[in-house]
Amino acid sequence: MGFSVERFDHVVINCHDVPATADWYARVLGMTVEKFGPAGRTALRFGNQKINLRPVGALETDPAWTTGATEAAGAQDLCFITTASPEEVAEHLAACGVTILEGPVVKVGALGEMVSHYCRDLDGNLIEIAVYPS
């Protein structure tokens, strides 16, 4: 093999309402919303990571979008890691009015066992918020 992949740079989430989705991720997960590029696209930043938000139907108005073969909002399963305690995660989600689908529950992530809570974003994407034991 001539090369190997090091890490993700960014992912793109298809969504129905970019401003509302950006607000949800900022309010619930503490991400920073930013505009980028000449078209003023929207991204979410956290740590050294980035999520671009792509409105469903964008290809109809902006053929410069390159995207996957299937355009669908709500088809993502995403896991985010926090250093907060599982109790703090549950309290924060409740304070934000977010329904916890499952958790706290022990799961296995990229680095081993972690404690997770599951919820959904505005489009129905499954969001896992996990804590690795210290």
Protein backbone atom coordinates (compact mmCIF):
# COMPACT_ATOMS: atom_id res chain seq x y z
CA MET A 1 0.00 0.00 0.00
CA GLY A 2 1.36 3.41 -0.96
CA PHE A 3 -0.22 5.32 1.94
CA SER A 4 -2.44 4.94 4.97
CA VAL A 5 -5.14 7.22 6.34
CA GLU A 6 -4.22 9.14 9.49
CA ARG A 7 -7.52 10.66 10.68
CA PHE A 8 -10.78 12.27 9.69
CA ASP A 9 -10.54 15.92 8.67
CA HIS A 10 -14.26 16.64 8.58
CA VAL A 11 -17.60 14.99 7.96
CA VAL A 12 -20.72 16.41 6.32
CA ILE A 13 -24.21 16.08 7.76
CA ASN A 14 -27.20 16.56 5.47
CA CYS A 15 -29.93 18.50 7.25
CA HIS A 16 -33.29 20.11 6.56
CA ASP A 17 -32.63 23.42 8.36
CA VAL A 18 -28.98 24.50 8.57
CA PRO A 19 -29.43 27.38 11.07
CA ALA A 20 -31.61 25.28 13.40
CA THR A 21 -29.20 22.32 13.19
CA ALA A 22 -26.21 24.58 13.86
CA ASP A 23 -28.00 26.06 16.88
CA TRP A 24 -28.81 22.57 18.25
CA TYR A 25 -25.18 21.41 18.03
CA ALA A 26 -23.92 24.66 19.57
CA ARG A 27 -26.47 24.63 22.41
CA VAL A 28 -26.48 20.91 23.19
CA LEU A 29 -22.91 19.85 22.36
CA GLY A 30 -21.05 23.14 22.81
CA MET A 31 -19.77 23.36 19.24
CA THR A 32 -18.77 26.63 17.60
CA VAL A 33 -20.68 27.70 14.49
CA GLU A 34 -18.68 29.29 11.69
CA LYS A 35 -19.25 30.37 8.10
CA PHE A 36 -16.71 29.44 5.44
CA GLY A 37 -16.06 29.72 1.73
CA PRO A 38 -17.40 32.19 -0.78
CA ALA A 39 -20.91 30.72 -0.56
CA GLY A 40 -21.02 31.22 3.22
CA ARG A 41 -21.48 27.55 4.05
CA THR A 42 -21.93 26.55 7.71
CA ALA A 43 -19.58 24.41 9.78
CA LEU A 44 -19.45 23.25 13.38
CA ARG A 45 -16.07 23.17 15.12
CA PHE A 46 -15.01 21.33 18.26
CA GLY A 47 -11.41 20.55 19.20
CA ASN A 48 -9.51 19.89 15.98
CA GLN A 49 -12.63 18.56 14.27
CA LYS A 50 -15.16 20.02 11.89
CA ILE A 51 -18.64 19.09 10.68
CA ASN A 52 -19.98 20.79 7.57
CA LEU A 53 -23.75 21.20 7.37
CA ARG A 54 -25.24 20.62 3.94
CA PRO A 55 -28.88 21.48 3.29
CA VAL A 56 -30.95 18.75 1.65
CA GLY A 57 -31.64 19.89 -1.91
CA ALA A 58 -28.42 21.91 -2.14
CA LEU A 59 -27.49 20.36 -5.49
CA GLU A 60 -30.56 21.97 -7.03
CA THR A 61 -29.28 25.46 -6.20
CA ASP A 62 -25.52 24.89 -5.97
CA PRO A 63 -24.08 22.24 -8.31
CA ALA A 64 -20.64 22.83 -6.75
CA TRP A 65 -21.64 20.61 -3.81
CA THR A 66 -20.03 17.22 -4.14
CA THR A 67 -21.84 14.68 -2.04
CA GLY A 68 -22.61 11.03 -1.51
CA ALA A 69 -24.83 9.06 -3.83
CA THR A 70 -27.81 9.23 -1.45
CA GLU A 71 -28.94 12.57 -0.07
CA ALA A 72 -30.71 11.99 3.23
CA ALA A 73 -31.08 13.87 6.48
CA GLY A 74 -31.21 11.75 9.62
CA ALA A 75 -29.11 8.84 8.34
CA GLN A 76 -26.03 9.43 10.52
CA ASP A 77 -24.90 7.63 13.67
CA LEU A 78 -22.28 9.84 15.33
CA CYS A 79 -20.33 9.33 18.54
CA PHE A 80 -18.80 12.29 20.39
CA ILE A 81 -16.40 12.01 23.31
CA THR A 82 -16.52 14.31 26.33
CA THR A 83 -14.50 14.65 29.50
CA ALA A 84 -17.66 15.44 31.48
CA SER A 85 -18.99 12.75 33.79
CA PRO A 86 -21.90 10.58 32.65
CA GLU A 87 -24.04 12.30 35.29
CA GLU A 88 -23.14 15.72 33.88
CA VAL A 89 -24.03 14.55 30.37
CA ALA A 90 -27.47 13.34 31.51
CA GLU A 91 -28.13 16.55 33.46
CA HIS A 92 -27.10 18.76 30.55
CA LEU A 93 -29.21 16.88 28.01
CA ALA A 94 -32.22 17.10 30.34
CA ALA A 95 -31.62 20.84 30.87
CA CYS A 96 -31.56 21.28 27.07
CA GLY A 97 -34.86 19.42 26.74
CA VAL A 98 -33.20 16.57 24.84
CA THR A 99 -34.72 13.12 25.29
CA ILE A 100 -32.23 10.42 26.26
CA LEU A 101 -33.04 7.30 24.25
CA GLU A 102 -30.62 5.06 26.15
CA GLY A 103 -28.03 5.56 28.83
CA PRO A 104 -26.00 5.58 30.74
CA VAL A 105 -24.84 2.32 29.16
CA VAL A 106 -21.39 0.76 28.75
CA LYS A 107 -20.28 0.46 25.12
CA VAL A 108 -16.97 -0.23 23.39
CA GLY A 109 -15.41 2.59 21.39
CA ALA A 110 -12.15 3.02 19.50
CA LEU A 111 -10.17 3.16 22.77
CA GLY A 112 -12.09 0.57 24.78
CA GLU A 113 -15.02 0.68 27.19
CA MET A 114 -16.90 3.94 27.62
CA VAL A 115 -20.16 5.10 29.16
CA SER A 116 -22.63 6.43 26.60
CA HIS A 117 -25.89 8.33 26.36
CA TYR A 118 -27.91 8.29 23.14
CA CYS A 119 -30.21 10.99 21.78
CA ARG A 120 -31.31 12.36 18.41
CA ASP A 121 -30.63 15.69 16.75
CA LEU A 122 -33.32 17.69 14.93
CA ASP A 123 -33.17 15.51 11.80
CA GLY A 124 -33.21 12.25 13.73
CA ASN A 125 -29.49 11.45 13.48
CA LEU A 126 -28.44 9.15 16.32
CA ILE A 127 -26.06 11.04 18.59
CA GLU A 128 -23.94 9.14 21.10
CA ILE A 129 -22.18 11.15 23.80
CA ALA A 130 -19.55 9.01 25.48
CA VAL A 131 -17.16 9.26 28.39
CA TYR A 132 -14.01 7.15 28.67
CA PRO A 133 -13.05 6.31 32.26
CA SER A 134 -10.06 8.23 33.55
